[in-house]
Amino acid sequence: MKILAVDDDVFILELLPVVLANSGYHDVSVRASPIRALSLLEREEPKFDCLFLDIAMPGMDGIELCRRIRALPGYKETPIIMLTVMSDISHIDRAFEAGATDYVTKPFDVTEIGARVHIAEKLIASQYGVKERQAAKTSPVSKSEPVVATAFLDPQRIEDVEGAVEYEALSNYLGQLSRAGLDSSNIFAIKIDQAEEIHSKTSPLEYSFALSEVADVIAEILREKGFFLMTYAGSGHFLCVSHSNYFDSDPDAVLTLQYAIDERELAYDNGSPMDINVSVGKSLKPRVSASKGTHRIFRVAIARSEDTYNAKQGLLSRPNIRRVP
């Protein structure tokens, strides 16, 4: 792991390389200025594998630095860990919205820093494995060919949609909210009803485009209601965290979402319509504990969207209910 730490606190810049070395990470560079850090990132080869950023720095804060780093070639998926004294919801929200992967508050536990880098290292390995599997599926799949189940099940990065983050970043965001004692958010899942069928008929590029279109519609709607983050968790499920309870409180919310997706008039490469219907699960509070980790909360949210889908299918199967053409 090649690591860069950016902080205007000289003590932190002296301490962090020692802490990381004790955890087995010896290739650590430091910069006290965000501008100098950007200059280094633009020219350094090979690129850094993990970044630590302070937030409160003169000239440019760490959140803006994070945003600019995400715009650099080769740094869209690099783990970025915010290391800061800022623990209020505003800074946490802004940091993850700008592209932070994780968030650690000062004063930090020495063992925690090594653990976070180890998690980042596993994330990099996971990203590499997903890319290898997706690269193996390079042409459209015919109906006679089997679905690449691992690729369908995998979380996927949604590019160029505001509020869309990595799966692990959303998990870390919920963990940070719980550690800070904040309980202002709701988490829910949105299921693409025909996701597996669509995946079986498309190339990776075609499927990713469909996911991006649905994500963009979700983002447009949630953005009007305040802060939100979302991720694609795989298997046709989007996980969303929002400070509002729009989909629970407004009876027309799901219809608004469905109409907005329909208006995109999505189609397969051959021109046939890609009819996408969605099911929105009931939201829950993302309370994380030792017995109820973030991934368990994710599973509950996804199960609720599946319950909504199953209830909808049950209604459609009744003899006195017919589909509207």
C-alpha atoms as a PDB file:
ATOM      1  CA  MET A   1       0.000   0.000   0.000  1.00  0.00           C
ATOM      2  CA  LYS A   2       1.271   3.414  -1.025  1.00  0.00           C
ATOM      3  CA  ILE A   3      -0.314   6.005   1.271  1.00  0.00           C
ATOM      4  CA  LEU A   4      -0.516   9.813   1.280  1.00  0.00           C
ATOM      5  CA  ALA A   5      -1.538  11.849   4.350  1.00  0.00           C
ATOM      6  CA  VAL A   6      -2.535  15.527   4.044  1.00  0.00           C
ATOM      7  CA  ASP A   7      -2.806  17.552   7.251  1.00  0.00           C
ATOM      8  CA  ASP A   8      -1.634  20.976   8.392  1.00  0.00           C
ATOM      9  CA  ASP A   9      -0.905  19.589  11.876  1.00  0.00           C
ATOM     10  CA  VAL A  10       2.807  18.748  12.010  1.00  0.00           C
ATOM     11  CA  PHE A  11       2.263  16.405  14.967  1.00  0.00           C
ATOM     12  CA  ILE A  12      -0.209  14.296  12.953  1.00  0.00           C
ATOM     13  CA  LEU A  13       2.173  14.174   9.982  1.00  0.00           C
ATOM     14  CA  GLU A  14       4.906  12.870  12.281  1.00  0.00           C
ATOM     15  CA  LEU A  15       2.668  10.439  14.155  1.00  0.00           C
ATOM     16  CA  LEU A  16       0.733   8.863  11.289  1.00  0.00           C
ATOM     17  CA  PRO A  17       3.706   7.256   9.473  1.00  0.00           C
ATOM     18  CA  VAL A  18       4.789   5.680  12.772  1.00  0.00           C
ATOM     19  CA  VAL A  19       1.291   4.367  13.489  1.00  0.00           C
ATOM     20  CA  LEU A  20       0.946   2.964   9.975  1.00  0.00           C
ATOM     21  CA  ALA A  21       4.405   1.393  10.069  1.00  0.00           C
ATOM     22  CA  ASN A  22       3.415  -0.480  13.229  1.00  0.00           C
ATOM     23  CA  SER A  23       0.501  -1.921  11.243  1.00  0.00           C
ATOM     24  CA  GLY A  24       2.797  -3.010   8.410  1.00  0.00           C
ATOM     25  CA  TYR A  25       2.364  -0.025   6.074  1.00  0.00           C
ATOM     26  CA  HIS A  26       5.727   1.624   5.484  1.00  0.00           C
ATOM     27  CA  ASP A  27       5.287   3.533   2.218  1.00  0.00           C
ATOM     28  CA  VAL A  28       3.754   6.744   3.612  1.00  0.00           C
ATOM     29  CA  SER A  29       4.164  10.241   2.169  1.00  0.00           C
ATOM     30  CA  VAL A  30       2.939  13.402   3.904  1.00  0.00           C
ATOM     31  CA  ARG A  31       1.997  16.901   2.793  1.00  0.00           C
ATOM     32  CA  ALA A  32       0.935  19.876   4.926  1.00  0.00           C
ATOM     33  CA  SER A  33      -0.727  21.765   2.068  1.00  0.00           C
ATOM     34  CA  PRO A  34      -3.738  20.663  -0.016  1.00  0.00           C
ATOM     35  CA  ILE A  35      -2.325  22.502  -3.056  1.00  0.00           C
ATOM     36  CA  ARG A  36       0.985  20.663  -2.777  1.00  0.00           C
ATOM     37  CA  ALA A  37      -0.876  17.397  -2.276  1.00  0.00           C
ATOM     38  CA  LEU A  38      -2.825  17.946  -5.498  1.00  0.00           C
ATOM     39  CA  SER A  39       0.380  18.744  -7.361  1.00  0.00           C
ATOM     40  CA  LEU A  40       1.949  15.527  -6.067  1.00  0.00           C
ATOM     41  CA  LEU A  41      -1.095  13.438  -7.008  1.00  0.00           C
ATOM     42  CA  GLU A  42      -1.128  14.842 -10.534  1.00  0.00           C
ATOM     43  CA  ARG A  43       2.456  13.825 -11.270  1.00  0.00           C
ATOM     44  CA  GLU A  44       3.221  10.873  -8.971  1.00  0.00           C
ATOM     45  CA  GLU A  45       3.598   7.432 -10.535  1.00  0.00           C
ATOM     46  CA  PRO A  46       2.709   4.812  -9.519  1.00  0.00           C
ATOM     47  CA  LYS A  47      -0.390   6.343  -8.001  1.00  0.00           C
ATOM     48  CA  PHE A  48      -1.230   6.281  -4.301  1.00  0.00           C
ATOM     49  CA  ASP A  49      -3.430   3.429  -3.063  1.00  0.00           C
ATOM     50  CA  CYS A  50      -4.970   5.174  -0.045  1.00  0.00           C
ATOM     51  CA  LEU A  51      -5.311   8.783   1.155  1.00  0.00           C
ATOM     52  CA  PHE A  52      -5.806  10.387   4.581  1.00  0.00           C
ATOM     53  CA  LEU A  53      -7.241  13.923   4.500  1.00  0.00           C
ATOM     54  CA  ASP A  54      -7.772  16.406   7.312  1.00  0.00           C
ATOM     55  CA  ILE A  55     -10.807  18.675   6.863  1.00  0.00           C
ATOM     56  CA  ALA A  56      -9.890  21.974   8.552  1.00  0.00           C
ATOM     57  CA  MET A  57      -6.910  23.246   6.547  1.00  0.00           C
ATOM     58  CA  PRO A  58      -6.064  26.789   5.365  1.00  0.00           C
ATOM     59  CA  GLY A  59      -6.644  27.738   1.738  1.00  0.00           C
ATOM     60  CA  MET A  60      -8.686  24.646   0.832  1.00  0.00           C
ATOM     61  CA  ASP A  61     -10.498  22.352   3.232  1.00  0.00           C
ATOM     62  CA  GLY A  62     -10.206  18.583   3.020  1.00  0.00           C
ATOM     63  CA  ILE A  63     -13.720  18.164   1.626  1.00  0.00           C
ATOM     64  CA  GLU A  64     -12.951  20.322  -1.399  1.00  0.00           C
ATOM     65  CA  LEU A  65      -9.613  18.531  -1.723  1.00  0.00           C
ATOM     66  CA  CYS A  66     -11.482  15.205  -1.716  1.00  0.00           C
ATOM     67  CA  ARG A  67     -13.785  16.458  -4.457  1.00  0.00           C
ATOM     68  CA  ARG A  68     -10.853  17.574  -6.607  1.00  0.00           C
ATOM     69  CA  ILE A  69      -9.007  14.296  -6.076  1.00  0.00           C
ATOM     70  CA  ARG A  70     -12.048  12.360  -7.296  1.00  0.00           C
ATOM     71  CA  ALA A  71     -11.840  14.359 -10.548  1.00  0.00           C
ATOM     72  CA  LEU A  72      -8.226  13.286 -11.163  1.00  0.00           C
ATOM     73  CA  PRO A  73      -7.588  10.407 -13.594  1.00  0.00           C
ATOM     74  CA  GLY A  74      -7.019   7.196 -11.668  1.00  0.00           C
ATOM     75  CA  TYR A  75      -8.484   8.377  -8.361  1.00  0.00           C
ATOM     76  CA  LYS A  76     -12.228   7.795  -8.782  1.00  0.00           C
ATOM     77  CA  GLU A  77     -12.150   4.628  -6.649  1.00  0.00           C
ATOM     78  CA  THR A  78      -9.083   5.179  -4.442  1.00  0.00           C
ATOM     79  CA  PRO A  79     -10.003   4.830  -0.739  1.00  0.00           C
ATOM     80  CA  ILE A  80     -10.060   8.291   0.891  1.00  0.00           C
ATOM     81  CA  ILE A  81     -10.214   8.380   4.692  1.00  0.00           C
ATOM     82  CA  MET A  82     -11.084  11.675   6.348  1.00  0.00           C
ATOM     83  CA  LEU A  83      -9.083  12.144   9.578  1.00  0.00           C
ATOM     84  CA  THR A  84     -10.537  15.111  11.421  1.00  0.00           C
ATOM     85  CA  VAL A  85     -11.817  16.641  14.651  1.00  0.00           C
ATOM     86  CA  MET A  86     -15.076  17.533  12.889  1.00  0.00           C
ATOM     87  CA  SER A  87     -17.833  15.230  14.150  1.00  0.00           C
ATOM     88  CA  ASP A  88     -21.018  17.171  13.296  1.00  0.00           C
ATOM     89  CA  ILE A  89     -23.521  15.868  10.771  1.00  0.00           C
ATOM     90  CA  SER A  90     -22.843  18.684   8.299  1.00  0.00           C
ATOM     91  CA  HIS A  91     -19.171  17.795   7.856  1.00  0.00           C
ATOM     92  CA  ILE A  92     -19.894  14.053   7.778  1.00  0.00           C
ATOM     93  CA  ASP A  93     -22.553  14.527   5.090  1.00  0.00           C
ATOM     94  CA  ARG A  94     -20.400  16.847   2.977  1.00  0.00           C
ATOM     95  CA  ALA A  95     -17.370  14.576   3.198  1.00  0.00           C
ATOM     96  CA  PHE A  96     -19.159  11.461   1.975  1.00  0.00           C
ATOM     97  CA  GLU A  97     -21.028  13.470  -0.652  1.00  0.00           C
ATOM     98  CA  ALA A  98     -17.642  14.685  -1.952  1.00  0.00           C
ATOM     99  CA  GLY A  99     -16.415  11.109  -2.317  1.00  0.00           C
ATOM    100  CA  ALA A 100     -14.924  10.091   1.040  1.00  0.00           C
ATOM    101  CA  THR A 101     -14.729   6.340   1.614  1.00  0.00           C
ATOM    102  CA  ASP A 102     -14.346   6.450   5.386  1.00  0.00           C
ATOM    103  CA  TYR A 103     -14.274   8.911   8.268  1.00  0.00           C
ATOM    104  CA  VAL A 104     -12.209   8.853  11.472  1.00  0.00           C
ATOM    105  CA  THR A 105     -12.431  11.504  14.196  1.00  0.00           C
ATOM    106  CA  LYS A 106      -9.502  12.798  16.229  1.00  0.00           C
ATOM    107  CA  PRO A 107      -8.224  11.890  18.711  1.00  0.00           C
ATOM    108  CA  PHE A 108      -8.019   8.496  17.064  1.00  0.00           C
ATOM    109  CA  ASP A 109      -7.220   5.066  18.427  1.00  0.00           C
ATOM    110  CA  VAL A 110      -3.883   3.786  17.114  1.00  0.00           C
ATOM    111  CA  THR A 111      -5.232   0.322  16.302  1.00  0.00           C
ATOM    112  CA  GLU A 112      -8.238   1.832  14.526  1.00  0.00           C
ATOM    113  CA  ILE A 113      -6.038   3.536  11.919  1.00  0.00           C
ATOM    114  CA  GLY A 114      -4.366   0.284  10.928  1.00  0.00           C
ATOM    115  CA  ALA A 115      -7.745  -1.448  10.813  1.00  0.00           C
ATOM    116  CA  ARG A 116      -9.174   1.212   8.491  1.00  0.00           C
ATOM    117  CA  VAL A 117      -6.255   0.881   6.068  1.00  0.00           C
ATOM    118  CA  HIS A 118      -6.617  -2.895   6.159  1.00  0.00           C
ATOM    119  CA  ILE A 119     -10.295  -2.493   5.219  1.00  0.00           C
ATOM    120  CA  ALA A 120      -9.260  -0.125   2.419  1.00  0.00           C
ATOM    121  CA  GLU A 121      -6.771  -2.716   1.190  1.00  0.00           C
ATOM    122  CA  LYS A 122      -9.519  -5.357   1.041  1.00  0.00           C
ATOM    123  CA  LEU A 123     -11.763  -2.897  -0.798  1.00  0.00           C
ATOM    124  CA  ILE A 124      -9.099  -2.393  -3.464  1.00  0.00           C
ATOM    125  CA  ALA A 125      -8.752  -6.166  -3.881  1.00  0.00           C
ATOM    126  CA  SER A 126     -12.536  -6.502  -4.160  1.00  0.00           C
ATOM    127  CA  GLN A 127     -12.738  -3.759  -6.790  1.00  0.00           C
ATOM    128  CA  TYR A 128     -10.025  -5.480  -8.813  1.00  0.00           C
ATOM    129  CA  GLY A 129     -11.881  -8.813  -8.632  1.00  0.00           C
ATOM    130  CA  VAL A 130     -15.150  -7.265  -9.803  1.00  0.00           C
ATOM    131  CA  LYS A 131     -13.407  -5.592 -12.756  1.00  0.00           C
ATOM    132  CA  GLU A 132     -11.846  -8.896 -13.786  1.00  0.00           C
ATOM    133  CA  ARG A 133     -15.214 -10.657 -13.722  1.00  0.00           C
ATOM    134  CA  GLN A 134     -16.937  -7.861 -15.627  1.00  0.00           C
ATOM    135  CA  ALA A 135     -14.148  -7.794 -18.227  1.00  0.00           C
ATOM    136  CA  ALA A 136     -14.774 -11.495 -18.865  1.00  0.00           C
ATOM    137  CA  LYS A 137     -18.294 -10.628 -20.022  1.00  0.00           C
ATOM    138  CA  THR A 138     -17.543  -8.382 -22.987  1.00  0.00           C
ATOM    139  CA  SER A 139     -20.357  -9.123 -25.438  1.00  0.00           C
ATOM    140  CA  PRO A 140     -24.164  -9.143 -25.219  1.00  0.00           C
ATOM    141  CA  VAL A 141     -25.538 -12.340 -23.697  1.00  0.00           C
ATOM    142  CA  SER A 142     -28.087 -14.303 -25.707  1.00  0.00           C
ATOM    143  CA  LYS A 143     -31.051 -16.041 -24.100  1.00  0.00           C
ATOM    144  CA  SER A 144     -29.260 -19.383 -24.419  1.00  0.00           C
ATOM    145  CA  GLU A 145     -26.188 -18.257 -22.517  1.00  0.00           C
ATOM    146  CA  PRO A 146     -26.053 -18.478 -18.702  1.00  0.00           C
ATOM    147  CA  VAL A 147     -26.125 -15.338 -16.597  1.00  0.00           C
ATOM    148  CA  VAL A 148     -22.808 -14.515 -14.926  1.00  0.00           C
ATOM    149  CA  ALA A 149     -24.284 -14.747 -11.419  1.00  0.00           C
ATOM    150  CA  THR A 150     -21.315 -13.253  -9.577  1.00  0.00           C
ATOM    151  CA  ALA A 151     -21.392 -10.120 -11.741  1.00  0.00           C
ATOM    152  CA  PHE A 152     -25.156  -9.725 -11.229  1.00  0.00           C
ATOM    153  CA  LEU A 153     -24.774 -10.092  -7.467  1.00  0.00           C
ATOM    154  CA  ASP A 154     -21.874  -7.666  -7.202  1.00  0.00           C
ATOM    155  CA  PRO A 155     -22.217  -4.071  -6.013  1.00  0.00           C
ATOM    156  CA  GLN A 156     -21.340  -1.694  -8.834  1.00  0.00           C
ATOM    157  CA  ARG A 157     -20.047   1.850  -8.906  1.00  0.00           C
ATOM    158  CA  ILE A 158     -22.468   4.339 -10.456  1.00  0.00           C
ATOM    159  CA  GLU A 159     -20.550   6.957 -12.415  1.00  0.00           C
ATOM    160  CA  ASP A 160     -21.418  10.639 -12.747  1.00  0.00           C
ATOM    161  CA  VAL A 161     -24.554  10.643 -10.572  1.00  0.00           C
ATOM    162  CA  GLU A 162     -24.528  13.102  -7.700  1.00  0.00           C
ATOM    163  CA  GLY A 163     -25.007  11.339  -4.364  1.00  0.00           C
ATOM    164  CA  ALA A 164     -24.011   7.885  -5.669  1.00  0.00           C
ATOM    165  CA  VAL A 165     -21.196   6.363  -3.588  1.00  0.00           C
ATOM    166  CA  GLU A 166     -19.384   3.064  -3.203  1.00  0.00           C
ATOM    167  CA  TYR A 167     -21.154   0.302  -1.269  1.00  0.00           C
ATOM    168  CA  GLU A 168     -18.512   0.310   1.485  1.00  0.00           C
ATOM    169  CA  ALA A 169     -18.609   4.106   1.687  1.00  0.00           C
ATOM    170  CA  LEU A 170     -22.337   3.993   2.467  1.00  0.00           C
ATOM    171  CA  SER A 171     -21.654   1.358   5.108  1.00  0.00           C
ATOM    172  CA  ASN A 172     -18.973   3.553   6.671  1.00  0.00           C
ATOM    173  CA  TYR A 173     -21.311   6.571   6.571  1.00  0.00           C
ATOM    174  CA  LEU A 174     -23.951   4.710   8.592  1.00  0.00           C
ATOM    175  CA  GLY A 175     -21.310   3.555  11.042  1.00  0.00           C
ATOM    176  CA  GLN A 176     -20.119   7.122  11.502  1.00  0.00           C
ATOM    177  CA  LEU A 177     -23.666   8.355  12.154  1.00  0.00           C
ATOM    178  CA  SER A 178     -24.070   5.741  14.877  1.00  0.00           C
ATOM    179  CA  ARG A 179     -20.708   6.497  16.486  1.00  0.00           C
ATOM    180  CA  ALA A 180     -21.603  10.188  16.535  1.00  0.00           C
ATOM    181  CA  GLY A 181     -25.006   9.438  18.082  1.00  0.00           C
ATOM    182  CA  LEU A 182     -26.862  10.914  15.102  1.00  0.00           C
ATOM    183  CA  ASP A 183     -30.285   9.557  14.227  1.00  0.00           C
ATOM    184  CA  SER A 184     -31.647  11.874  11.569  1.00  0.00           C
ATOM    185  CA  SER A 185     -31.525   9.525   8.578  1.00  0.00           C
ATOM    186  CA  ASN A 186     -33.694   6.837   7.039  1.00  0.00           C
ATOM    187  CA  ILE A 187     -32.444   3.937   4.938  1.00  0.00           C
ATOM    188  CA  PHE A 188     -34.507   2.093   2.347  1.00  0.00           C
ATOM    189  CA  ALA A 189     -33.996  -0.052  -0.738  1.00  0.00           C
ATOM    190  CA  ILE A 190     -35.354   0.325  -4.259  1.00  0.00           C
ATOM    191  CA  LYS A 191     -35.574  -2.877  -6.306  1.00  0.00           C
ATOM    192  CA  ILE A 192     -35.548  -3.055 -10.104  1.00  0.00           C
ATOM    193  CA  ASP A 193     -38.196  -5.737 -10.559  1.00  0.00           C
ATOM    194  CA  GLN A 194     -36.820  -7.148 -13.837  1.00  0.00           C
ATOM    195  CA  ALA A 195     -33.116  -6.668 -13.040  1.00  0.00           C
ATOM    196  CA  GLU A 196     -32.055 -10.281 -13.531  1.00  0.00           C
ATOM    197  CA  GLU A 197     -33.872 -10.542 -16.863  1.00  0.00           C
ATOM    198  CA  ILE A 198     -32.364  -7.249 -18.067  1.00  0.00           C
ATOM    199  CA  HIS A 199     -28.897  -8.343 -16.946  1.00  0.00           C
ATOM    200  CA  SER A 200     -29.228 -11.624 -18.862  1.00  0.00           C
ATOM    201  CA  LYS A 201     -29.998  -9.767 -22.099  1.00  0.00           C
ATOM    202  CA  THR A 202     -27.359  -7.054 -21.952  1.00  0.00           C
ATOM    203  CA  SER A 203     -23.646  -6.415 -22.123  1.00  0.00           C
ATOM    204  CA  PRO A 204     -21.917  -4.962 -19.023  1.00  0.00           C
ATOM    205  CA  LEU A 205     -21.920  -1.523 -20.658  1.00  0.00           C
ATOM    206  CA  GLU A 206     -25.615  -1.720 -21.542  1.00  0.00           C
ATOM    207  CA  TYR A 207     -26.547  -2.903 -18.037  1.00  0.00           C
ATOM    208  CA  SER A 208     -24.428  -0.182 -16.410  1.00  0.00           C
ATOM    209  CA  PHE A 209     -26.158   2.448 -18.543  1.00  0.00           C
ATOM    210  CA  ALA A 210     -29.566   1.220 -17.389  1.00  0.00           C
ATOM    211  CA  LEU A 211     -28.434   1.332 -13.747  1.00  0.00           C
ATOM    212  CA  SER A 212     -27.082   4.861 -14.214  1.00  0.00           C
ATOM    213  CA  GLU A 213     -30.371   6.040 -15.721  1.00  0.00           C
ATOM    214  CA  VAL A 214     -32.403   4.639 -12.828  1.00  0.00           C
ATOM    215  CA  ALA A 215     -29.896   6.050 -10.320  1.00  0.00           C
ATOM    216  CA  ASP A 216     -30.120   9.461 -11.971  1.00  0.00           C
ATOM    217  CA  VAL A 217     -33.909   9.474 -11.624  1.00  0.00           C
ATOM    218  CA  ILE A 218     -33.683   8.453  -7.955  1.00  0.00           C
ATOM    219  CA  ALA A 219     -31.104  11.193  -7.359  1.00  0.00           C
ATOM    220  CA  GLU A 220     -33.265  13.855  -9.014  1.00  0.00           C
ATOM    221  CA  ILE A 221     -36.190  13.011  -6.751  1.00  0.00           C
ATOM    222  CA  LEU A 222     -34.253  12.653  -3.499  1.00  0.00           C
ATOM    223  CA  ARG A 223     -32.176  15.783  -4.138  1.00  0.00           C
ATOM    224  CA  GLU A 224     -35.335  17.876  -3.883  1.00  0.00           C
ATOM    225  CA  LYS A 225     -35.939  16.467  -0.384  1.00  0.00           C
ATOM    226  CA  GLY A 226     -32.512  17.319   1.064  1.00  0.00           C
ATOM    227  CA  PHE A 227     -29.347  15.355   1.709  1.00  0.00           C
ATOM    228  CA  PHE A 228     -29.089  11.776   0.456  1.00  0.00           C
ATOM    229  CA  LEU A 229     -26.573   9.107  -0.473  1.00  0.00           C
ATOM    230  CA  MET A 230     -27.155   5.930  -2.435  1.00  0.00           C
ATOM    231  CA  THR A 231     -25.321   2.908  -3.748  1.00  0.00           C
ATOM    232  CA  TYR A 232     -26.029   0.009  -6.072  1.00  0.00           C
ATOM    233  CA  ALA A 233     -25.782  -3.095  -3.889  1.00  0.00           C
ATOM    234  CA  GLY A 234     -26.099  -5.678  -6.655  1.00  0.00           C
ATOM    235  CA  SER A 235     -28.976  -7.996  -7.621  1.00  0.00           C
ATOM    236  CA  GLY A 236     -31.033  -5.049  -8.851  1.00  0.00           C
ATOM    237  CA  HIS A 237     -31.139  -3.232  -5.491  1.00  0.00           C
ATOM    238  CA  PHE A 238     -30.288   0.384  -4.756  1.00  0.00           C
ATOM    239  CA  LEU A 239     -29.711   1.316  -1.111  1.00  0.00           C
ATOM    240  CA  CYS A 240     -30.599   4.907  -0.234  1.00  0.00           C
ATOM    241  CA  VAL A 241     -30.003   7.003   2.877  1.00  0.00           C
ATOM    242  CA  SER A 242     -31.977  10.216   3.190  1.00  0.00           C
ATOM    243  CA  HIS A 243     -32.683  12.773   5.895  1.00  0.00           C
ATOM    244  CA  SER A 244     -36.315  12.826   4.708  1.00  0.00           C
ATOM    245  CA  ASN A 245     -38.960  10.067   4.812  1.00  0.00           C
ATOM    246  CA  TYR A 246     -40.453  11.046   1.460  1.00  0.00           C
ATOM    247  CA  PHE A 247     -41.264   7.547   0.184  1.00  0.00           C
ATOM    248  CA  ASP A 248     -43.045   6.644   3.446  1.00  0.00           C
ATOM    249  CA  SER A 249     -44.898   9.921   3.959  1.00  0.00           C
ATOM    250  CA  ASP A 250     -46.115  10.720   0.428  1.00  0.00           C
ATOM    251  CA  PRO A 251     -48.574   8.170  -1.031  1.00  0.00           C
ATOM    252  CA  ASP A 252     -47.740   9.337  -4.563  1.00  0.00           C
ATOM    253  CA  ALA A 253     -43.948   9.119  -4.143  1.00  0.00           C
ATOM    254  CA  VAL A 254     -43.511   5.673  -5.698  1.00  0.00           C
ATOM    255  CA  LEU A 255     -45.729   6.629  -8.639  1.00  0.00           C
ATOM    256  CA  THR A 256     -43.667   9.783  -9.137  1.00  0.00           C
ATOM    257  CA  LEU A 257     -40.521   7.650  -9.258  1.00  0.00           C
ATOM    258  CA  GLN A 258     -42.068   5.134 -11.652  1.00  0.00           C
ATOM    259  CA  TYR A 259     -43.374   7.823 -14.012  1.00  0.00           C
ATOM    260  CA  ALA A 260     -39.979   9.520 -14.066  1.00  0.00           C
ATOM    261  CA  ILE A 261     -38.290   6.230 -15.015  1.00  0.00           C
ATOM    262  CA  ASP A 262     -40.910   5.574 -17.704  1.00  0.00           C
ATOM    263  CA  GLU A 263     -40.265   9.025 -19.185  1.00  0.00           C
ATOM    264  CA  ARG A 264     -36.643   8.047 -19.870  1.00  0.00           C
ATOM    265  CA  GLU A 265     -37.980   5.525 -22.449  1.00  0.00           C
ATOM    266  CA  LEU A 266     -35.058   3.168 -21.900  1.00  0.00           C
ATOM    267  CA  ALA A 267     -34.390   0.611 -24.619  1.00  0.00           C
ATOM    268  CA  TYR A 268     -32.049  -2.271 -25.396  1.00  0.00           C
ATOM    269  CA  ASP A 269     -29.349  -1.777 -28.023  1.00  0.00           C
ATOM    270  CA  ASN A 270     -31.611  -3.487 -30.551  1.00  0.00           C
ATOM    271  CA  GLY A 271     -34.302  -0.839 -30.009  1.00  0.00           C
ATOM    272  CA  SER A 272     -36.816  -2.932 -28.075  1.00  0.00           C
ATOM    273  CA  PRO A 273     -38.184  -1.213 -24.949  1.00  0.00           C
ATOM    274  CA  MET A 274     -36.509  -1.936 -21.620  1.00  0.00           C
ATOM    275  CA  ASP A 275     -39.546  -1.783 -19.367  1.00  0.00           C
ATOM    276  CA  ILE A 276     -38.294  -1.070 -15.853  1.00  0.00           C
ATOM    277  CA  ASN A 277     -40.590  -1.256 -12.832  1.00  0.00           C
ATOM    278  CA  VAL A 278     -39.426  -0.577  -9.296  1.00  0.00           C
ATOM    279  CA  SER A 279     -40.460  -1.592  -5.782  1.00  0.00           C
ATOM    280  CA  VAL A 280     -39.622   0.660  -2.821  1.00  0.00           C
ATOM    281  CA  GLY A 281     -39.214  -0.905   0.596  1.00  0.00           C
ATOM    282  CA  LYS A 282     -40.378   0.667   3.851  1.00  0.00           C
ATOM    283  CA  SER A 283     -37.578   2.689   5.455  1.00  0.00           C
ATOM    284  CA  LEU A 284     -35.850   1.971   8.758  1.00  0.00           C
ATOM    285  CA  LYS A 285     -33.551   3.868  11.093  1.00  0.00           C
ATOM    286  CA  PRO A 286     -29.879   2.964  10.502  1.00  0.00           C
ATOM    287  CA  ARG A 287     -29.034   2.175  14.120  1.00  0.00           C
ATOM    288  CA  VAL A 288     -25.728   0.298  14.119  1.00  0.00           C
ATOM    289  CA  SER A 289     -24.592  -1.774  17.095  1.00  0.00           C
ATOM    290  CA  ALA A 290     -22.290  -4.686  17.853  1.00  0.00           C
ATOM    291  CA  SER A 291     -25.133  -7.099  17.111  1.00  0.00           C
ATOM    292  CA  LYS A 292     -26.635  -5.089  14.263  1.00  0.00           C
ATOM    293  CA  GLY A 293     -23.911  -4.049  11.830  1.00  0.00           C
ATOM    294  CA  THR A 294     -24.409  -1.965   8.709  1.00  0.00           C
ATOM    295  CA  HIS A 295     -24.504  -4.979   6.392  1.00  0.00           C
ATOM    296  CA  ARG A 296     -27.319  -6.515   8.453  1.00  0.00           C
ATOM    297  CA  ILE A 297     -29.245  -3.242   8.165  1.00  0.00           C
ATOM    298  CA  PHE A 298     -28.653  -3.338   4.412  1.00  0.00           C
ATOM    299  CA  ARG A 299     -30.079  -6.866   4.267  1.00  0.00           C
ATOM    300  CA  VAL A 300     -33.188  -5.796   6.201  1.00  0.00           C
ATOM    301  CA  ALA A 301     -33.727  -2.821   3.859  1.00  0.00           C
ATOM    302  CA  ILE A 302     -33.356  -5.077   0.804  1.00  0.00           C
ATOM    303  CA  ALA A 303     -35.729  -7.656   2.324  1.00  0.00           C
ATOM    304  CA  ARG A 304     -38.337  -4.910   2.750  1.00  0.00           C
ATOM    305  CA  SER A 305     -38.095  -3.980  -0.932  1.00  0.00           C
ATOM    306  CA  GLU A 306     -38.520  -7.666  -1.784  1.00  0.00           C
ATOM    307  CA  ASP A 307     -41.623  -7.741   0.446  1.00  0.00           C
ATOM    308  CA  THR A 308     -43.038  -4.789  -1.497  1.00  0.00           C
ATOM    309  CA  TYR A 309     -42.297  -6.561  -4.790  1.00  0.00           C
ATOM    310  CA  ASN A 310     -43.901  -9.817  -3.611  1.00  0.00           C
ATOM    311  CA  ALA A 311     -46.997  -7.985  -2.371  1.00  0.00           C
ATOM    312  CA  LYS A 312     -47.288  -6.252  -5.736  1.00  0.00           C
ATOM    313  CA  GLN A 313     -46.958  -9.568  -7.589  1.00  0.00           C
ATOM    314  CA  GLY A 314     -49.625 -11.044  -5.337  1.00  0.00           C
ATOM    315  CA  LEU A 315     -52.046  -8.278  -6.261  1.00  0.00           C
ATOM    316  CA  LEU A 316     -51.329  -8.668  -9.973  1.00  0.00           C
ATOM    317  CA  SER A 317     -52.048 -12.398  -9.763  1.00  0.00           C
ATOM    318  CA  ARG A 318     -55.611 -11.854  -8.513  1.00  0.00           C
ATOM    319  CA  PRO A 319     -58.225 -12.673 -11.158  1.00  0.00           C
ATOM    320  CA  ASN A 320     -59.995  -9.328 -10.768  1.00  0.00           C
ATOM    321  CA  ILE A 321     -56.775  -7.337 -11.258  1.00  0.00           C
ATOM    322  CA  ARG A 322     -55.413  -6.788 -14.734  1.00  0.00           C
ATOM    323  CA  ARG A 323     -52.288  -5.065 -15.981  1.00  0.00           C
ATOM    324  CA  VAL A 324     -52.787  -1.766 -17.760  1.00  0.00           C
ATOM    325  CA  PRO A 325     -51.206  -1.917 -21.266  1.00  0.00           C
END
